[in-house]
Amino acid sequence: MHREAEVKALFWTLRIGDGVRVSQINRNSRRAWSVVRTLESMGLARVERLGRTKLVRLTEKGERVRMKLLEALRELNASEHALPSAEPLQVSELRASSLPEWLRGNPWLQVIGERGRT
C-alpha cells in the first residue's frame, strides 16, 4: 500500500477513537466512504449500523495501532518537556531508536501530535 495512504490511515485511526459517524469523517460522502474503505481494507475499522446512523469503529487491530500511536505521542511530549530550549521538539531531532521503525521519518507524526494537544 502507498506510504501516504498508510500515514492517512494512522491519522484517521487516532481521529476515530471510540467511534464516529461517517458524516463526521468528511462532509463529502464520497471522500468519507473512501476513508472508511481504506481503513476496512487495512483491517483497522468496521462500519456498524445503529438505526439509520452508520458508525465507524476501530477493530481490535485498529485499537492496538491507536494505543501504539498514543504511546509514541506521549513519548514525544515527555521528550519535548525534557528539552532545555524553548523551541518545540521537531520529529527530526528525535533519536532514531526512540520510535518504532514504522514511525521513523514520518512527517505526519508532528501533525498528529499537534492535533492531539488542541
PDB file of N, CA and C in Angstrom:
ATOM      1  N   MET A   1       0.843  -1.167   0.000  1.00  0.00           N
ATOM      2  CA  MET A   1       0.000   0.000   0.000  1.00  0.00           C
ATOM      3  C   MET A   1       0.891   1.233   0.000  1.00  0.00           C
ATOM      4  N   HIS A   2       0.440   2.299  -0.606  1.00  0.00           N
ATOM      5  CA  HIS A   2       1.198   3.533  -0.721  1.00  0.00           C
ATOM      6  C   HIS A   2       1.437   4.150   0.649  1.00  0.00           C
ATOM      7  N   ARG A   3       2.637   4.674   0.870  1.00  0.00           N
ATOM      8  CA  ARG A   3       3.015   5.219   2.180  1.00  0.00           C
ATOM      9  C   ARG A   3       2.085   6.354   2.625  1.00  0.00           C
ATOM     10  N   GLU A   4       1.671   7.206   1.687  1.00  0.00           N
ATOM     11  CA  GLU A   4       0.776   8.310   2.036  1.00  0.00           C
ATOM     12  C   GLU A   4      -0.552   7.776   2.579  1.00  0.00           C
ATOM     13  N   ALA A   5      -1.059   6.719   1.978  1.00  0.00           N
ATOM     14  CA  ALA A   5      -2.306   6.113   2.451  1.00  0.00           C
ATOM     15  C   ALA A   5      -2.124   5.546   3.860  1.00  0.00           C
ATOM     16  N   GLU A   6      -0.944   4.976   4.126  1.00  0.00           N
ATOM     17  CA  GLU A   6      -0.681   4.435   5.459  1.00  0.00           C
ATOM     18  C   GLU A   6      -0.649   5.548   6.506  1.00  0.00           C
ATOM     19  N   VAL A   7      -0.029   6.670   6.155  1.00  0.00           N
ATOM     20  CA  VAL A   7       0.045   7.797   7.082  1.00  0.00           C
ATOM     21  C   VAL A   7      -1.349   8.355   7.352  1.00  0.00           C
ATOM     22  N   LYS A   8      -2.153   8.478   6.303  1.00  0.00           N
ATOM     23  CA  LYS A   8      -3.525   8.961   6.479  1.00  0.00           C
ATOM     24  C   LYS A   8      -4.329   7.997   7.341  1.00  0.00           C
ATOM     25  N   ALA A   9      -4.080   6.694   7.159  1.00  0.00           N
ATOM     26  CA  ALA A   9      -4.783   5.695   7.968  1.00  0.00           C
ATOM     27  C   ALA A   9      -4.427   5.863   9.445  1.00  0.00           C
ATOM     28  N   LEU A  10      -3.167   6.178   9.742  1.00  0.00           N
ATOM     29  CA  LEU A  10      -2.765   6.422  11.130  1.00  0.00           C
ATOM     30  C   LEU A  10      -3.509   7.626  11.695  1.00  0.00           C
ATOM     31  N   PHE A  11      -3.599   8.687  10.904  1.00  0.00           N
ATOM     32  CA  PHE A  11      -4.324   9.879  11.339  1.00  0.00           C
ATOM     33  C   PHE A  11      -5.777   9.537  11.653  1.00  0.00           C
ATOM     34  N   TRP A  12      -6.438   8.825  10.749  1.00  0.00           N
ATOM     35  CA  TRP A  12      -7.845   8.508  10.949  1.00  0.00           C
ATOM     36  C   TRP A  12      -8.047   7.529  12.096  1.00  0.00           C
ATOM     37  N   THR A  13      -7.067   6.656  12.322  1.00  0.00           N
ATOM     38  CA  THR A  13      -7.153   5.733  13.455  1.00  0.00           C
ATOM     39  C   THR A  13      -7.205   6.522  14.759  1.00  0.00           C
ATOM     40  N   LEU A  14      -6.393   7.569  14.853  1.00  0.00           N
ATOM     41  CA  LEU A  14      -6.440   8.420  16.046  1.00  0.00           C
ATOM     42  C   LEU A  14      -7.739   9.205  16.115  1.00  0.00           C
ATOM     43  N   ARG A  15      -8.171   9.721  15.001  1.00  0.00           N
ATOM     44  CA  ARG A  15      -9.348  10.590  14.963  1.00  0.00           C
ATOM     45  C   ARG A  15     -10.637   9.817  15.285  1.00  0.00           C
ATOM     46  N   ILE A  16     -10.733   8.596  14.827  1.00  0.00           N
ATOM     47  CA  ILE A  16     -11.952   7.808  15.045  1.00  0.00           C
ATOM     48  C   ILE A  16     -12.113   7.458  16.513  1.00  0.00           C
ATOM     49  N   GLY A  17     -11.037   7.079  17.167  1.00  0.00           N
ATOM     50  CA  GLY A  17     -11.105   6.777  18.600  1.00  0.00           C
ATOM     51  C   GLY A  17     -12.154   5.734  18.916  1.00  0.00           C
ATOM     52  N   ASP A  18     -13.133   6.099  19.738  1.00  0.00           N
ATOM     53  CA  ASP A  18     -14.174   5.163  20.168  1.00  0.00           C
ATOM     54  C   ASP A  18     -15.279   4.987  19.135  1.00  0.00           C
ATOM     55  N   GLY A  19     -15.284   5.809  18.108  1.00  0.00           N
ATOM     56  CA  GLY A  19     -16.287   5.689  17.062  1.00  0.00           C
ATOM     57  C   GLY A  19     -16.813   7.045  16.631  1.00  0.00           C
ATOM     58  N   VAL A  20     -17.056   7.173  15.336  1.00  0.00           N
ATOM     59  CA  VAL A  20     -17.625   8.402  14.778  1.00  0.00           C
ATOM     60  C   VAL A  20     -18.636   8.029  13.706  1.00  0.00           C
ATOM     61  N   ARG A  21     -19.557   8.956  13.439  1.00  0.00           N
ATOM     62  CA  ARG A  21     -20.467   8.762  12.317  1.00  0.00           C
ATOM     63  C   ARG A  21     -19.686   8.986  11.034  1.00  0.00           C
ATOM     64  N   VAL A  22     -20.093   8.342   9.964  1.00  0.00           N
ATOM     65  CA  VAL A  22     -19.423   8.504   8.669  1.00  0.00           C
ATOM     66  C   VAL A  22     -19.423   9.972   8.267  1.00  0.00           C
ATOM     67  N   SER A  23     -20.504  10.675   8.532  1.00  0.00           N
ATOM     68  CA  SER A  23     -20.598  12.096   8.172  1.00  0.00           C
ATOM     69  C   SER A  23     -19.610  12.961   8.951  1.00  0.00           C
ATOM     70  N   GLN A  24     -19.096  12.482  10.086  1.00  0.00           N
ATOM     71  CA  GLN A  24     -18.112  13.234  10.849  1.00  0.00           C
ATOM     72  C   GLN A  24     -16.712  13.102  10.263  1.00  0.00           C
ATOM     73  N   ILE A  25     -16.501  12.105   9.447  1.00  0.00           N
ATOM     74  CA  ILE A  25     -15.192  11.925   8.811  1.00  0.00           C
ATOM     75  C   ILE A  25     -14.971  13.011   7.773  1.00  0.00           C
ATOM     76  N   ASN A  26     -15.981  13.224   6.942  1.00  0.00           N
ATOM     77  CA  ASN A  26     -15.898  14.268   5.922  1.00  0.00           C
ATOM     78  C   ASN A  26     -17.313  14.581   5.466  1.00  0.00           C
ATOM     79  N   ARG A  27     -17.572  15.855   5.192  1.00  0.00           N
ATOM     80  CA  ARG A  27     -18.912  16.230   4.720  1.00  0.00           C
ATOM     81  C   ARG A  27     -19.183  15.688   3.330  1.00  0.00           C
ATOM     82  N   ASN A  28     -18.126  15.504   2.560  1.00  0.00           N
ATOM     83  CA  ASN A  28     -18.258  14.903   1.238  1.00  0.00           C
ATOM     84  C   ASN A  28     -18.375  13.390   1.437  1.00  0.00           C
ATOM     85  N   SER A  29     -19.524  12.839   1.145  1.00  0.00           N
ATOM     86  CA  SER A  29     -19.755  11.418   1.438  1.00  0.00           C
ATOM     87  C   SER A  29     -18.828  10.504   0.632  1.00  0.00           C
ATOM     88  N   ARG A  30     -18.486  10.888  -0.587  1.00  0.00           N
ATOM     89  CA  ARG A  30     -17.549  10.052  -1.364  1.00  0.00           C
ATOM     90  C   ARG A  30     -16.194   9.977  -0.681  1.00  0.00           C
ATOM     91  N   ARG A  31     -15.722  11.108  -0.203  1.00  0.00           N
ATOM     92  CA  ARG A  31     -14.430  11.145   0.489  1.00  0.00           C
ATOM     93  C   ARG A  31     -14.513  10.358   1.795  1.00  0.00           C
ATOM     94  N   ALA A  32     -15.587  10.526   2.520  1.00  0.00           N
ATOM     95  CA  ALA A  32     -15.761   9.814   3.791  1.00  0.00           C
ATOM     96  C   ALA A  32     -15.754   8.305   3.561  1.00  0.00           C
ATOM     97  N   TRP A  33     -16.492   7.837   2.573  1.00  0.00           N
ATOM     98  CA  TRP A  33     -16.538   6.402   2.308  1.00  0.00           C
ATOM     99  C   TRP A  33     -15.213   5.891   1.759  1.00  0.00           C
ATOM    100  N   SER A  34     -14.461   6.739   1.069  1.00  0.00           N
ATOM    101  CA  SER A  34     -13.124   6.353   0.607  1.00  0.00           C
ATOM    102  C   SER A  34     -12.215   6.079   1.808  1.00  0.00           C
ATOM    103  N   VAL A  35     -12.288   6.948   2.815  1.00  0.00           N
ATOM    104  CA  VAL A  35     -11.513   6.753   4.044  1.00  0.00           C
ATOM    105  C   VAL A  35     -11.945   5.467   4.731  1.00  0.00           C
ATOM    106  N   VAL A  36     -13.246   5.262   4.837  1.00  0.00           N
ATOM    107  CA  VAL A  36     -13.765   4.065   5.512  1.00  0.00           C
ATOM    108  C   VAL A  36     -13.315   2.803   4.781  1.00  0.00           C
ATOM    109  N   ARG A  37     -13.421   2.787   3.458  1.00  0.00           N
ATOM    110  CA  ARG A  37     -12.990   1.607   2.690  1.00  0.00           C
ATOM    111  C   ARG A  37     -11.501   1.331   2.874  1.00  0.00           C
ATOM    112  N   THR A  38     -10.684   2.385   2.910  1.00  0.00           N
ATOM    113  CA  THR A  38      -9.246   2.214   3.127  1.00  0.00           C
ATOM    114  C   THR A  38      -8.977   1.589   4.489  1.00  0.00           C
ATOM    115  N   LEU A  39      -9.634   2.119   5.516  1.00  0.00           N
ATOM    116  CA  LEU A  39      -9.442   1.575   6.868  1.00  0.00           C
ATOM    117  C   LEU A  39      -9.935   0.132   6.971  1.00  0.00           C
ATOM    118  N   GLU A  40     -11.059  -0.157   6.321  1.00  0.00           N
ATOM    119  CA  GLU A  40     -11.577  -1.537   6.329  1.00  0.00           C
ATOM    120  C   GLU A  40     -10.618  -2.478   5.613  1.00  0.00           C
ATOM    121  N   SER A  41     -10.049  -2.035   4.494  1.00  0.00           N
ATOM    122  CA  SER A  41      -9.131  -2.899   3.739  1.00  0.00           C
ATOM    123  C   SER A  41      -7.862  -3.192   4.536  1.00  0.00           C
ATOM    124  N   MET A  42      -7.484  -2.288   5.420  1.00  0.00           N
ATOM    125  CA  MET A  42      -6.308  -2.494   6.270  1.00  0.00           C
ATOM    126  C   MET A  42      -6.663  -3.255   7.545  1.00  0.00           C
ATOM    127  N   GLY A  43      -7.956  -3.481   7.756  1.00  0.00           N
ATOM    128  CA  GLY A  43      -8.397  -4.188   8.951  1.00  0.00           C
ATOM    129  C   GLY A  43      -8.395  -3.333  10.200  1.00  0.00           C
ATOM    130  N   LEU A  44      -8.443  -2.004  10.034  1.00  0.00           N
ATOM    131  CA  LEU A  44      -8.377  -1.096  11.176  1.00  0.00           C
ATOM    132  C   LEU A  44      -9.743  -0.653  11.679  1.00  0.00           C
ATOM    133  N   ALA A  45     -10.769  -0.695  10.818  1.00  0.00           N
ATOM    134  CA  ALA A  45     -12.083  -0.202  11.220  1.00  0.00           C
ATOM    135  C   ALA A  45     -13.187  -1.038  10.583  1.00  0.00           C
ATOM    136  N   ARG A  46     -14.384  -0.881  11.149  1.00  0.00           N
ATOM    137  CA  ARG A  46     -15.571  -1.546  10.608  1.00  0.00           C
ATOM    138  C   ARG A  46     -16.748  -0.578  10.743  1.00  0.00           C
ATOM    139  N   VAL A  47     -17.770  -0.796   9.946  1.00  0.00           N
ATOM    140  CA  VAL A  47     -18.960   0.055   9.986  1.00  0.00           C
ATOM    141  C   VAL A  47     -20.074  -0.705  10.689  1.00  0.00           C
ATOM    142  N   GLU A  48     -20.692  -0.048  11.664  1.00  0.00           N
ATOM    143  CA  GLU A  48     -21.832  -0.614  12.377  1.00  0.00           C
ATOM    144  C   GLU A  48     -23.042   0.261  12.103  1.00  0.00           C
ATOM    145  N   ARG A  49     -24.198  -0.367  11.977  1.00  0.00           N
ATOM    146  CA  ARG A  49     -25.437   0.385  11.769  1.00  0.00           C
ATOM    147  C   ARG A  49     -26.203   0.466  13.073  1.00  0.00           C
ATOM    148  N   LEU A  50     -26.547   1.689  13.421  1.00  0.00           N
ATOM    149  CA  LEU A  50     -27.392   1.936  14.586  1.00  0.00           C
ATOM    150  C   LEU A  50     -28.616   2.672  14.077  1.00  0.00           C
ATOM    151  N   GLY A  51     -29.621   1.912  13.698  1.00  0.00           N
ATOM    152  CA  GLY A  51     -30.789   2.512  13.058  1.00  0.00           C
ATOM    153  C   GLY A  51     -30.389   3.024  11.684  1.00  0.00           C
ATOM    154  N   ARG A  52     -30.616   4.307  11.439  1.00  0.00           N
ATOM    155  CA  ARG A  52     -30.220   4.900  10.160  1.00  0.00           C
ATOM    156  C   ARG A  52     -28.795   5.446  10.189  1.00  0.00           C
ATOM    157  N   THR A  53     -28.194   5.468  11.351  1.00  0.00           N
ATOM    158  CA  THR A  53     -26.852   6.008  11.501  1.00  0.00           C
ATOM    159  C   THR A  53     -25.814   4.926  11.258  1.00  0.00           C
ATOM    160  N   LYS A  54     -24.780   5.273  10.516  1.00  0.00           N
ATOM    161  CA  LYS A  54     -23.663   4.356  10.282  1.00  0.00           C
ATOM    162  C   LYS A  54     -22.478   4.865  11.078  1.00  0.00           C
ATOM    163  N   LEU A  55     -22.001   4.026  11.986  1.00  0.00           N
ATOM    164  CA  LEU A  55     -20.932   4.378  12.907  1.00  0.00           C
ATOM    165  C   LEU A  55     -19.670   3.617  12.519  1.00  0.00           C
ATOM    166  N   VAL A  56     -18.558   4.328  12.449  1.00  0.00           N
ATOM    167  CA  VAL A  56     -17.268   3.707  12.148  1.00  0.00           C
ATOM    168  C   VAL A  56     -16.545   3.492  13.463  1.00  0.00           C
ATOM    169  N   ARG A  57     -16.181   2.250  13.734  1.00  0.00           N
ATOM    170  CA  ARG A  57     -15.477   1.898  14.965  1.00  0.00           C
ATOM    171  C   ARG A  57     -14.192   1.152  14.619  1.00  0.00           C
ATOM    172  N   LEU A  58     -13.222   1.251  15.499  1.00  0.00           N
ATOM    173  CA  LEU A  58     -11.960   0.554  15.295  1.00  0.00           C
ATOM    174  C   LEU A  58     -12.110  -0.925  15.621  1.00  0.00           C
ATOM    175  N   THR A  59     -11.403  -1.741  14.882  1.00  0.00           N
ATOM    176  CA  THR A  59     -11.319  -3.171  15.179  1.00  0.00           C
ATOM    177  C   THR A  59     -10.279  -3.358  16.282  1.00  0.00           C
ATOM    178  N   GLU A  60     -10.057  -4.597  16.699  1.00  0.00           N
ATOM    179  CA  GLU A  60      -9.024  -4.867  17.701  1.00  0.00           C
ATOM    180  C   GLU A  60      -7.666  -4.422  17.186  1.00  0.00           C
ATOM    181  N   LYS A  61      -7.388  -4.710  15.920  1.00  0.00           N
ATOM    182  CA  LYS A  61      -6.124  -4.286  15.304  1.00  0.00           C
ATOM    183  C   LYS A  61      -6.031  -2.763  15.309  1.00  0.00           C
ATOM    184  N   GLY A  62      -7.114  -2.087  14.961  1.00  0.00           N
ATOM    185  CA  GLY A  62      -7.140  -0.629  14.961  1.00  0.00           C
ATOM    186  C   GLY A  62      -6.880  -0.057  16.342  1.00  0.00           C
ATOM    187  N   GLU A  63      -7.455  -0.688  17.362  1.00  0.00           N
ATOM    188  CA  GLU A  63      -7.232  -0.242  18.745  1.00  0.00           C
ATOM    189  C   GLU A  63      -5.773  -0.411  19.147  1.00  0.00           C
ATOM    190  N   ARG A  64      -5.149  -1.534  18.739  1.00  0.00           N
ATOM    191  CA  ARG A  64      -3.730  -1.742  19.055  1.00  0.00           C
ATOM    192  C   ARG A  64      -2.869  -0.664  18.398  1.00  0.00           C
ATOM    193  N   VAL A  65      -3.169  -0.363  17.131  1.00  0.00           N
ATOM    194  CA  VAL A  65      -2.419   0.680  16.419  1.00  0.00           C
ATOM    195  C   VAL A  65      -2.624   2.024  17.105  1.00  0.00           C
ATOM    196  N   ARG A  66      -3.843   2.326  17.485  1.00  0.00           N
ATOM    197  CA  ARG A  66      -4.150   3.595  18.164  1.00  0.00           C
ATOM    198  C   ARG A  66      -3.396   3.707  19.481  1.00  0.00           C
ATOM    199  N   MET A  67      -3.345   2.630  20.259  1.00  0.00           N
ATOM    200  CA  MET A  67      -2.631   2.651  21.523  1.00  0.00           C
ATOM    201  C   MET A  67      -1.133   2.889  21.302  1.00  0.00           C
ATOM    202  N   LYS A  68      -0.567   2.266  20.276  1.00  0.00           N
ATOM    203  CA  LYS A  68       0.854   2.476  19.970  1.00  0.00           C
ATOM    204  C   LYS A  68       1.115   3.921  19.555  1.00  0.00           C
ATOM    205  N   LEU A  69       0.217   4.494  18.777  1.00  0.00           N
ATOM    206  CA  LEU A  69       0.365   5.892  18.373  1.00  0.00           C
ATOM    207  C   LEU A  69       0.287   6.817  19.577  1.00  0.00           C
ATOM    208  N   LEU A  70      -0.682   6.586  20.452  1.00  0.00           N
ATOM    209  CA  LEU A  70      -0.818   7.414  21.641  1.00  0.00           C
ATOM    210  C   LEU A  70       0.415   7.296  22.533  1.00  0.00           C
ATOM    211  N   GLU A  71       0.967   6.095  22.626  1.00  0.00           N
ATOM    212  CA  GLU A  71       2.181   5.883  23.412  1.00  0.00           C
ATOM    213  C   GLU A  71       3.349   6.669  22.803  1.00  0.00           C
ATOM    214  N   ALA A  72       3.465   6.631  21.480  1.00  0.00           N
ATOM    215  CA  ALA A  72       4.529   7.376  20.799  1.00  0.00           C
ATOM    216  C   ALA A  72       4.346   8.878  20.995  1.00  0.00           C
ATOM    217  N   LEU A  73       3.102   9.359  20.951  1.00  0.00           N
ATOM    218  CA  LEU A  73       2.840  10.781  21.162  1.00  0.00           C
ATOM    219  C   LEU A  73       3.156  11.202  22.594  1.00  0.00           C
ATOM    220  N   ARG A  74       2.836  10.335  23.562  1.00  0.00           N
ATOM    221  CA  ARG A  74       3.182  10.635  24.955  1.00  0.00           C
ATOM    222  C   ARG A  74       4.697  10.724  25.110  1.00  0.00           C
ATOM    223  N   GLU A  75       5.406   9.820  24.447  1.00  0.00           N
ATOM    224  CA  GLU A  75       6.863   9.837  24.498  1.00  0.00           C
ATOM    225  C   GLU A  75       7.413  11.117  23.873  1.00  0.00           C
ATOM    226  N   LEU A  76       6.812  11.543  22.775  1.00  0.00           N
ATOM    227  CA  LEU A  76       7.222  12.801  22.150  1.00  0.00           C
ATOM    228  C   LEU A  76       6.997  13.971  23.096  1.00  0.00           C
ATOM    229  N   ASN A  77       5.844  14.013  23.722  1.00  0.00           N
ATOM    230  CA  ASN A  77       5.532  15.102  24.653  1.00  0.00           C
ATOM    231  C   ASN A  77       6.471  15.079  25.859  1.00  0.00           C
ATOM    232  N   ALA A  78       6.786  13.901  26.365  1.00  0.00           N
ATOM    233  CA  ALA A  78       7.697  13.804  27.503  1.00  0.00           C
ATOM    234  C   ALA A  78       9.087  14.280  27.098  1.00  0.00           C
ATOM    235  N   SER A  79       9.525  13.918  25.916  1.00  0.00           N
ATOM    236  CA  SER A  79      10.833  14.357  25.429  1.00  0.00           C
ATOM    237  C   SER A  79      10.845  15.859  25.211  1.00  0.00           C
ATOM    238  N   GLU A  80       9.743  16.404  24.751  1.00  0.00           N
ATOM    239  CA  GLU A  80       9.646  17.834  24.491  1.00  0.00           C
ATOM    240  C   GLU A  80       9.801  18.628  25.777  1.00  0.00           C
ATOM    241  N   HIS A  81       9.190  18.163  26.851  1.00  0.00           N
ATOM    242  CA  HIS A  81       9.263  18.874  28.123  1.00  0.00           C
ATOM    243  C   HIS A  81      10.631  18.725  28.771  1.00  0.00           C
ATOM    244  N   ALA A  82      11.377  17.701  28.390  1.00  0.00           N
ATOM    245  CA  ALA A  82      12.692  17.481  28.980  1.00  0.00           C
ATOM    246  C   ALA A  82      13.765  18.355  28.325  1.00  0.00           C
ATOM    247  N   LEU A  83      13.468  18.928  27.160  1.00  0.00           N
ATOM    248  CA  LEU A  83      14.462  19.748  26.469  1.00  0.00           C
ATOM    249  C   LEU A  83      14.621  21.096  27.175  1.00  0.00           C
ATOM    250  N   PRO A  84      15.853  21.590  27.328  1.00  0.00           N
ATOM    251  CA  PRO A  84      16.055  22.877  27.982  1.00  0.00           C
ATOM    252  C   PRO A  84      15.703  24.070  27.106  1.00  0.00           C
ATOM    253  N   SER A  85      15.702  23.915  25.781  1.00  0.00           N
ATOM    254  CA  SER A  85      15.410  25.040  24.900  1.00  0.00           C
ATOM    255  C   SER A  85      13.917  25.340  24.886  1.00  0.00           C
ATOM    256  N   ALA A  86      13.580  26.554  24.482  1.00  0.00           N
ATOM    257  CA  ALA A  86      12.190  26.976  24.416  1.00  0.00           C
ATOM    258  C   ALA A  86      11.543  26.585  23.092  1.00  0.00           C
ATOM    259  N   GLU A  87      12.330  26.096  22.147  1.00  0.00           N
ATOM    260  CA  GLU A  87      11.794  25.710  20.851  1.00  0.00           C
ATOM    261  C   GLU A  87      11.085  24.374  20.954  1.00  0.00           C
ATOM    262  N   PRO A  88       9.978  24.208  20.217  1.00  0.00           N
ATOM    263  CA  PRO A  88       9.280  22.920  20.253  1.00  0.00           C
ATOM    264  C   PRO A  88      10.137  21.818  19.646  1.00  0.00           C
ATOM    265  N   LEU A  89       9.910  20.624  20.120  1.00  0.00           N
ATOM    266  CA  LEU A  89      10.643  19.460  19.639  1.00  0.00           C
ATOM    267  C   LEU A  89      10.246  19.140  18.220  1.00  0.00           C
ATOM    268  N   GLN A  90      11.208  18.968  17.359  1.00  0.00           N
ATOM    269  CA  GLN A  90      10.962  18.577  15.985  1.00  0.00           C
ATOM    270  C   GLN A  90      11.125  17.061  15.881  1.00  0.00           C
ATOM    271  N   VAL A  91      10.316  16.439  15.063  1.00  0.00           N
ATOM    272  CA  VAL A  91      10.388  14.991  14.899  1.00  0.00           C
ATOM    273  C   VAL A  91      11.769  14.589  14.419  1.00  0.00           C
ATOM    274  N   SER A  92      12.393  15.413  13.573  1.00  0.00           N
ATOM    275  CA  SER A  92      13.712  15.078  13.036  1.00  0.00           C
ATOM    276  C   SER A  92      14.783  15.079  14.117  1.00  0.00           C
ATOM    277  N   GLU A  93      14.531  15.736  15.263  1.00  0.00           N
ATOM    278  CA  GLU A  93      15.504  15.800  16.345  1.00  0.00           C
ATOM    279  C   GLU A  93      15.475  14.553  17.236  1.00  0.00           C
ATOM    280  N   LEU A  94      14.467  13.744  17.098  1.00  0.00           N
ATOM    281  CA  LEU A  94      14.362  12.548  17.938  1.00  0.00           C
ATOM    282  C   LEU A  94      15.437  11.542  17.571  1.00  0.00           C
ATOM    283  N   ARG A  95      15.897  10.831  18.561  1.00  0.00           N
ATOM    284  CA  ARG A  95      16.816   9.733  18.268  1.00  0.00           C
ATOM    285  C   ARG A  95      16.051   8.680  17.479  1.00  0.00           C
ATOM    286  N   ALA A  96      16.691   8.155  16.452  1.00  0.00           N
ATOM    287  CA  ALA A  96      16.025   7.175  15.590  1.00  0.00           C
ATOM    288  C   ALA A  96      15.577   5.955  16.383  1.00  0.00           C
ATOM    289  N   SER A  97      16.310   5.602  17.434  1.00  0.00           N
ATOM    290  CA  SER A  97      15.956   4.393  18.185  1.00  0.00           C
ATOM    291  C   SER A  97      14.792   4.614  19.142  1.00  0.00           C
ATOM    292  N   SER A  98      14.361   5.872  19.347  1.00  0.00           N
ATOM    293  CA  SER A  98      13.298   6.118  20.307  1.00  0.00           C
ATOM    294  C   SER A  98      11.906   5.879  19.740  1.00  0.00           C
ATOM    295  N   LEU A  99      11.791   5.723  18.423  1.00  0.00           N
ATOM    296  CA  LEU A  99      10.498   5.483  17.789  1.00  0.00           C
ATOM    297  C   LEU A  99      10.499   4.135  17.093  1.00  0.00           C
ATOM    298  N   PRO A 100       9.324   3.516  16.983  1.00  0.00           N
ATOM    299  CA  PRO A 100       9.248   2.274  16.215  1.00  0.00           C
ATOM    300  C   PRO A 100       9.640   2.541  14.762  1.00  0.00           C
ATOM    301  N   GLU A 101      10.156   1.532  14.100  1.00  0.00           N
ATOM    302  CA  GLU A 101      10.633   1.678  12.728  1.00  0.00           C
ATOM    303  C   GLU A 101       9.564   2.233  11.792  1.00  0.00           C
ATOM    304  N   TRP A 102       8.309   1.831  11.982  1.00  0.00           N
ATOM    305  CA  TRP A 102       7.250   2.261  11.073  1.00  0.00           C
ATOM    306  C   TRP A 102       6.862   3.718  11.277  1.00  0.00           C
ATOM    307  N   LEU A 103       7.372   4.378  12.346  1.00  0.00           N
ATOM    308  CA  LEU A 103       7.087   5.793  12.573  1.00  0.00           C
ATOM    309  C   LEU A 103       8.269   6.707  12.256  1.00  0.00           C
ATOM    310  N   ARG A 104       9.454   6.134  12.085  1.00  0.00           N
ATOM    311  CA  ARG A 104      10.637   6.962  11.846  1.00  0.00           C
ATOM    312  C   ARG A 104      10.516   7.726  10.536  1.00  0.00           C
ATOM    313  N   GLY A 105      10.817   9.001  10.590  1.00  0.00           N
ATOM    314  CA  GLY A 105      10.794   9.832   9.395  1.00  0.00           C
ATOM    315  C   GLY A 105       9.395  10.170   8.902  1.00  0.00           C
ATOM    316  N   ASN A 106       8.391   9.965   9.713  1.00  0.00           N
ATOM    317  CA  ASN A 106       7.006  10.192   9.310  1.00  0.00           C
ATOM    318  C   ASN A 106       6.635  11.662   9.536  1.00  0.00           C
ATOM    319  N   PRO A 107       6.387  12.438   8.461  1.00  0.00           N
ATOM    320  CA  PRO A 107       6.074  13.856   8.622  1.00  0.00           C
ATOM    321  C   PRO A 107       4.717  14.105   9.286  1.00  0.00           C
ATOM    322  N   TRP A 108       3.833  13.133   9.248  1.00  0.00           N
ATOM    323  CA  TRP A 108       2.500  13.320   9.829  1.00  0.00           C
ATOM    324  C   TRP A 108       2.506  13.165  11.345  1.00  0.00           C
ATOM    325  N   LEU A 109       3.563  12.606  11.889  1.00  0.00           N
ATOM    326  CA  LEU A 109       3.611  12.376  13.328  1.00  0.00           C
ATOM    327  C   LEU A 109       3.513  13.687  14.094  1.00  0.00           C
ATOM    328  N   GLN A 110       4.201  14.722  13.615  1.00  0.00           N
ATOM    329  CA  GLN A 110       4.128  16.016  14.282  1.00  0.00           C
ATOM    330  C   GLN A 110       2.728  16.614  14.144  1.00  0.00           C
ATOM    331  N   VAL A 111       2.109  16.456  12.970  1.00  0.00           N
ATOM    332  CA  VAL A 111       0.757  16.977  12.756  1.00  0.00           C
ATOM    333  C   VAL A 111      -0.217  16.302  13.714  1.00  0.00           C
ATOM    334  N   ILE A 112      -0.113  15.001  13.833  1.00  0.00           N
ATOM    335  CA  ILE A 112      -0.987  14.250  14.732  1.00  0.00           C
ATOM    336  C   ILE A 112      -0.754  14.692  16.172  1.00  0.00           C
ATOM    337  N   GLY A 113       0.500  14.904  16.552  1.00  0.00           N
ATOM    338  CA  GLY A 113       0.814  15.345  17.901  1.00  0.00           C
ATOM    339  C   GLY A 113       0.234  16.704  18.211  1.00  0.00           C
ATOM    340  N   GLU A 114       0.314  17.620  17.241  1.00  0.00           N
ATOM    341  CA  GLU A 114      -0.240  18.951  17.454  1.00  0.00           C
ATOM    342  C   GLU A 114      -1.747  18.906  17.575  1.00  0.00           C
ATOM    343  N   ARG A 115      -2.408  18.073  16.783  1.00  0.00           N
ATOM    344  CA  ARG A 115      -3.868  17.961  16.857  1.00  0.00           C
ATOM    345  C   ARG A 115      -4.288  17.341  18.176  1.00  0.00           C
ATOM    346  N   GLY A 116      -3.447  16.459  18.720  1.00  0.00           N
ATOM    347  CA  GLY A 116      -3.766  15.829  19.988  1.00  0.00           C
ATOM    348  C   GLY A 116      -3.706  16.792  21.155  1.00  0.00           C
ATOM    349  N   ARG A 117      -2.960  17.902  20.999  1.00  0.00           N
ATOM    350  CA  ARG A 117      -2.842  18.881  22.070  1.00  0.00           C
ATOM    351  C   ARG A 117      -3.956  19.890  22.076  1.00  0.00           C
ATOM    352  N   THR A 118      -4.708  20.016  20.971  1.00  0.00           N
ATOM    353  CA  THR A 118      -5.761  21.026  20.896  1.00  0.00           C
ATOM    354  C   THR A 118      -7.054  20.522  21.462  1.00  0.00           C
TER     355      THR A 118
END
